[in-house]
Amino acid sequence: MKLTTPFTILKQNFREMDFIKEAINNKRLATERLHEDYRKMYKNHQFAYY
């Protein structure tokens, strides 16, 4: 049987918050890379005009 104390609950909540922060940072990095790719495309004109 696992003992549930306020400290174990807090520890779990902090760990979940860390996961959320990490997910947000990863999402931000992915969008920054996407913007960077678009900037490179427009800079090098590697797209077709229609």
PDB file of N, CA and C in Angstrom:
ATOM      1  N   MET A   1       0.844  -1.194   0.000  1.00  0.00           N
ATOM      2  CA  MET A   1       0.000   0.000   0.000  1.00  0.00           C
ATOM      3  C   MET A   1       0.876   1.240   0.000  1.00  0.00           C
ATOM      4  N   LYS A   2       0.560   2.145  -0.894  1.00  0.00           N
ATOM      5  CA  LYS A   2       1.359   3.365  -1.015  1.00  0.00           C
ATOM      6  C   LYS A   2       0.820   4.435  -0.071  1.00  0.00           C
ATOM      7  N   LEU A   3       1.718   5.026   0.660  1.00  0.00           N
ATOM      8  CA  LEU A   3       1.327   6.056   1.623  1.00  0.00           C
ATOM      9  C   LEU A   3       1.145   7.383   0.896  1.00  0.00           C
ATOM     10  N   THR A   4      -0.014   8.004   1.060  1.00  0.00           N
ATOM     11  CA  THR A   4      -0.286   9.292   0.422  1.00  0.00           C
ATOM     12  C   THR A   4      -0.219  10.392   1.481  1.00  0.00           C
ATOM     13  N   THR A   5       0.740  11.266   1.302  1.00  0.00           N
ATOM     14  CA  THR A   5       0.900  12.398   2.211  1.00  0.00           C
ATOM     15  C   THR A   5       0.822  13.672   1.382  1.00  0.00           C
ATOM     16  N   PRO A   6       0.660  14.786   2.039  1.00  0.00           N
ATOM     17  CA  PRO A   6       0.665  16.046   1.278  1.00  0.00           C
ATOM     18  C   PRO A   6       1.954  16.240   0.488  1.00  0.00           C
ATOM     19  N   PHE A   7       3.066  15.717   1.000  1.00  0.00           N
ATOM     20  CA  PHE A   7       4.345  15.869   0.285  1.00  0.00           C
ATOM     21  C   PHE A   7       4.370  15.066  -1.001  1.00  0.00           C
ATOM     22  N   THR A   8       3.807  13.846  -0.972  1.00  0.00           N
ATOM     23  CA  THR A   8       3.783  13.060  -2.209  1.00  0.00           C
ATOM     24  C   THR A   8       2.869  13.707  -3.242  1.00  0.00           C
ATOM     25  N   ILE A   9       1.771  14.299  -2.779  1.00  0.00           N
ATOM     26  CA  ILE A   9       0.849  14.984  -3.698  1.00  0.00           C
ATOM     27  C   ILE A   9       1.548  16.203  -4.312  1.00  0.00           C
ATOM     28  N   LEU A  10       2.246  16.971  -3.484  1.00  0.00           N
ATOM     29  CA  LEU A  10       2.974  18.141  -3.994  1.00  0.00           C
ATOM     30  C   LEU A  10       4.048  17.727  -4.991  1.00  0.00           C
ATOM     31  N   LYS A  11       4.764  16.672  -4.665  1.00  0.00           N
ATOM     32  CA  LYS A  11       5.827  16.197  -5.561  1.00  0.00           C
ATOM     33  C   LYS A  11       5.243  15.815  -6.921  1.00  0.00           C
ATOM     34  N   GLN A  12       4.106  15.124  -6.882  1.00  0.00           N
ATOM     35  CA  GLN A  12       3.459  14.731  -8.138  1.00  0.00           C
ATOM     36  C   GLN A  12       3.011  15.964  -8.923  1.00  0.00           C
ATOM     37  N   ASN A  13       2.446  16.955  -8.239  1.00  0.00           N
ATOM     38  CA  ASN A  13       1.992  18.170  -8.921  1.00  0.00           C
ATOM     39  C   ASN A  13       3.169  18.918  -9.547  1.00  0.00           C
ATOM     40  N   PHE A  14       4.284  19.001  -8.825  1.00  0.00           N
ATOM     41  CA  PHE A  14       5.461  19.678  -9.370  1.00  0.00           C
ATOM     42  C   PHE A  14       5.981  18.948 -10.596  1.00  0.00           C
ATOM     43  N   ARG A  15       5.961  17.608 -10.549  1.00  0.00           N
ATOM     44  CA  ARG A  15       6.444  16.842 -11.692  1.00  0.00           C
ATOM     45  C   ARG A  15       5.547  17.078 -12.903  1.00  0.00           C
ATOM     46  N   GLU A  16       4.234  17.127 -12.676  1.00  0.00           N
ATOM     47  CA  GLU A  16       3.311  17.407 -13.781  1.00  0.00           C
ATOM     48  C   GLU A  16       3.540  18.802 -14.345  1.00  0.00           C
ATOM     49  N   MET A  17       3.798  19.773 -13.475  1.00  0.00           N
ATOM     50  CA  MET A  17       4.066  21.133 -13.957  1.00  0.00           C
ATOM     51  C   MET A  17       5.344  21.163 -14.783  1.00  0.00           C
ATOM     52  N   ASP A  18       6.355  20.395 -14.380  1.00  0.00           N
ATOM     53  CA  ASP A  18       7.593  20.329 -15.153  1.00  0.00           C
ATOM     54  C   ASP A  18       7.335  19.751 -16.538  1.00  0.00           C
ATOM     55  N   PHE A  19       6.495  18.703 -16.606  1.00  0.00           N
ATOM     56  CA  PHE A  19       6.164  18.128 -17.907  1.00  0.00           C
ATOM     57  C   PHE A  19       5.462  19.147 -18.792  1.00  0.00           C
ATOM     58  N   ILE A  20       4.551  19.907 -18.209  1.00  0.00           N
ATOM     59  CA  ILE A  20       3.815  20.921 -18.973  1.00  0.00           C
ATOM     60  C   ILE A  20       4.769  22.001 -19.470  1.00  0.00           C
ATOM     61  N   LYS A  21       5.671  22.472 -18.587  1.00  0.00           N
ATOM     62  CA  LYS A  21       6.645  23.493 -19.001  1.00  0.00           C
ATOM     63  C   LYS A  21       7.524  22.985 -20.129  1.00  0.00           C
ATOM     64  N   GLU A  22       7.960  21.734 -20.021  1.00  0.00           N
ATOM     65  CA  GLU A  22       8.808  21.164 -21.064  1.00  0.00           C
ATOM     66  C   GLU A  22       8.059  21.067 -22.389  1.00  0.00           C
ATOM     67  N   ALA A  23       6.796  20.673 -22.339  1.00  0.00           N
ATOM     68  CA  ALA A  23       5.988  20.574 -23.558  1.00  0.00           C
ATOM     69  C   ALA A  23       5.819  21.946 -24.205  1.00  0.00           C
ATOM     70  N   ILE A  24       5.587  22.968 -23.390  1.00  0.00           N
ATOM     71  CA  ILE A  24       5.428  24.325 -23.930  1.00  0.00           C
ATOM     72  C   ILE A  24       6.733  24.792 -24.578  1.00  0.00           C
ATOM     73  N   ASN A  25       7.856  24.531 -23.927  1.00  0.00           N
ATOM     74  CA  ASN A  25       9.146  24.932 -24.500  1.00  0.00           C
ATOM     75  C   ASN A  25       9.421  24.200 -25.802  1.00  0.00           C
ATOM     76  N   ASN A  26       9.108  22.906 -25.856  1.00  0.00           N
ATOM     77  CA  ASN A  26       9.327  22.151 -27.089  1.00  0.00           C
ATOM     78  C   ASN A  26       8.448  22.691 -28.209  1.00  0.00           C
ATOM     79  N   LYS A  27       7.212  23.045 -27.883  1.00  0.00           N
ATOM     80  CA  LYS A  27       6.306  23.602 -28.892  1.00  0.00           C
ATOM     81  C   LYS A  27       6.853  24.932 -29.398  1.00  0.00           C
ATOM     82  N   ARG A  28       7.345  25.752 -28.483  1.00  0.00           N
ATOM     83  CA  ARG A  28       7.895  27.047 -28.870  1.00  0.00           C
ATOM     84  C   ARG A  28       9.107  26.855 -29.787  1.00  0.00           C
ATOM     85  N   LEU A  29       9.975  25.905 -29.448  1.00  0.00           N
ATOM     86  CA  LEU A  29      11.143  25.652 -30.285  1.00  0.00           C
ATOM     87  C   LEU A  29      10.728  25.184 -31.677  1.00  0.00           C
ATOM     88  N   ALA A  30       9.700  24.344 -31.743  1.00  0.00           N
ATOM     89  CA  ALA A  30       9.236  23.848 -33.040  1.00  0.00           C
ATOM     90  C   ALA A  30       8.684  24.991 -33.885  1.00  0.00           C
ATOM     91  N   THR A  31       7.928  25.903 -33.293  1.00  0.00           N
ATOM     92  CA  THR A  31       7.376  27.010 -34.071  1.00  0.00           C
ATOM     93  C   THR A  31       8.485  27.967 -34.487  1.00  0.00           C
ATOM     94  N   GLU A  32       9.498  28.149 -33.637  1.00  0.00           N
ATOM     95  CA  GLU A  32      10.612  29.010 -34.036  1.00  0.00           C
ATOM     96  C   GLU A  32      11.355  28.410 -35.220  1.00  0.00           C
ATOM     97  N   ARG A  33      11.535  27.084 -35.215  1.00  0.00           N
ATOM     98  CA  ARG A  33      12.196  26.427 -36.350  1.00  0.00           C
ATOM     99  C   ARG A  33      11.361  26.586 -37.607  1.00  0.00           C
ATOM    100  N   LEU A  34      10.032  26.473 -37.469  1.00  0.00           N
ATOM    101  CA  LEU A  34       9.152  26.626 -38.623  1.00  0.00           C
ATOM    102  C   LEU A  34       9.273  28.036 -39.206  1.00  0.00           C
ATOM    103  N   HIS A  35       9.251  29.045 -38.336  1.00  0.00           N
ATOM    104  CA  HIS A  35       9.399  30.422 -38.806  1.00  0.00           C
ATOM    105  C   HIS A  35      10.751  30.628 -39.475  1.00  0.00           C
ATOM    106  N   GLU A  36      11.770  30.031 -38.898  1.00  0.00           N
ATOM    107  CA  GLU A  36      13.111  30.149 -39.483  1.00  0.00           C
ATOM    108  C   GLU A  36      13.143  29.531 -40.881  1.00  0.00           C
ATOM    109  N   ASP A  37      12.496  28.369 -41.046  1.00  0.00           N
ATOM    110  CA  ASP A  37      12.450  27.725 -42.362  1.00  0.00           C
ATOM    111  C   ASP A  37      11.731  28.608 -43.369  1.00  0.00           C
ATOM    112  N   TYR A  38      10.608  29.217 -42.951  1.00  0.00           N
ATOM    113  CA  TYR A  38       9.886  30.105 -43.866  1.00  0.00           C
ATOM    114  C   TYR A  38      10.739  31.309 -44.237  1.00  0.00           C
ATOM    115  N   ARG A  39      11.469  31.859 -43.270  1.00  0.00           N
ATOM    116  CA  ARG A  39      12.346  33.003 -43.576  1.00  0.00           C
ATOM    117  C   ARG A  39      13.399  32.615 -44.601  1.00  0.00           C
ATOM    118  N   LYS A  40      13.965  31.418 -44.434  1.00  0.00           N
ATOM    119  CA  LYS A  40      14.981  30.958 -45.391  1.00  0.00           C
ATOM    120  C   LYS A  40      14.375  30.781 -46.770  1.00  0.00           C
ATOM    121  N   MET A  41      13.153  30.216 -46.814  1.00  0.00           N
ATOM    122  CA  MET A  41      12.506  30.009 -48.109  1.00  0.00           C
ATOM    123  C   MET A  41      12.294  31.339 -48.823  1.00  0.00           C
ATOM    124  N   TYR A  42      11.757  32.319 -48.111  1.00  0.00           N
ATOM    125  CA  TYR A  42      11.496  33.609 -48.744  1.00  0.00           C
ATOM    126  C   TYR A  42      12.788  34.323 -49.095  1.00  0.00           C
ATOM    127  N   LYS A  43      13.808  34.137 -48.264  1.00  0.00           N
ATOM    128  CA  LYS A  43      15.094  34.783 -48.534  1.00  0.00           C
ATOM    129  C   LYS A  43      15.724  34.204 -49.804  1.00  0.00           C
ATOM    130  N   ASN A  44      15.615  32.882 -49.967  1.00  0.00           N
ATOM    131  CA  ASN A  44      16.231  32.213 -51.114  1.00  0.00           C
ATOM    132  C   ASN A  44      15.271  32.054 -52.290  1.00  0.00           C
ATOM    133  N   HIS A  45      14.008  32.482 -52.117  1.00  0.00           N
ATOM    134  CA  HIS A  45      12.974  32.370 -53.159  1.00  0.00           C
ATOM    135  C   HIS A  45      12.870  30.947 -53.685  1.00  0.00           C
ATOM    136  N   GLN A  46      12.738  29.989 -52.756  1.00  0.00           N
ATOM    137  CA  GLN A  46      12.638  28.591 -53.156  1.00  0.00           C
ATOM    138  C   GLN A  46      11.185  28.155 -53.262  1.00  0.00           C
ATOM    139  N   PHE A  47      10.321  29.027 -53.704  1.00  0.00           N
ATOM    140  CA  PHE A  47       8.926  28.651 -53.879  1.00  0.00           C
ATOM    141  C   PHE A  47       8.475  29.158 -55.234  1.00  0.00           C
ATOM    142  N   ALA A  48       7.428  28.551 -55.762  1.00  0.00           N
ATOM    143  CA  ALA A  48       6.976  28.876 -57.113  1.00  0.00           C
ATOM    144  C   ALA A  48       5.867  29.934 -57.031  1.00  0.00           C
ATOM    145  N   TYR A  49       5.898  30.850 -57.960  1.00  0.00           N
ATOM    146  CA  TYR A  49       4.824  31.841 -58.074  1.00  0.00           C
ATOM    147  C   TYR A  49       3.726  31.289 -58.956  1.00  0.00           C
ATOM    148  N   TYR A  50       2.484  31.467 -58.550  1.00  0.00           N
ATOM    149  CA  TYR A  50       1.349  30.999 -59.358  1.00  0.00           C
ATOM    150  C   TYR A  50       0.496  32.169 -59.722  1.00  0.00           C
TER     151      TYR A  50
END
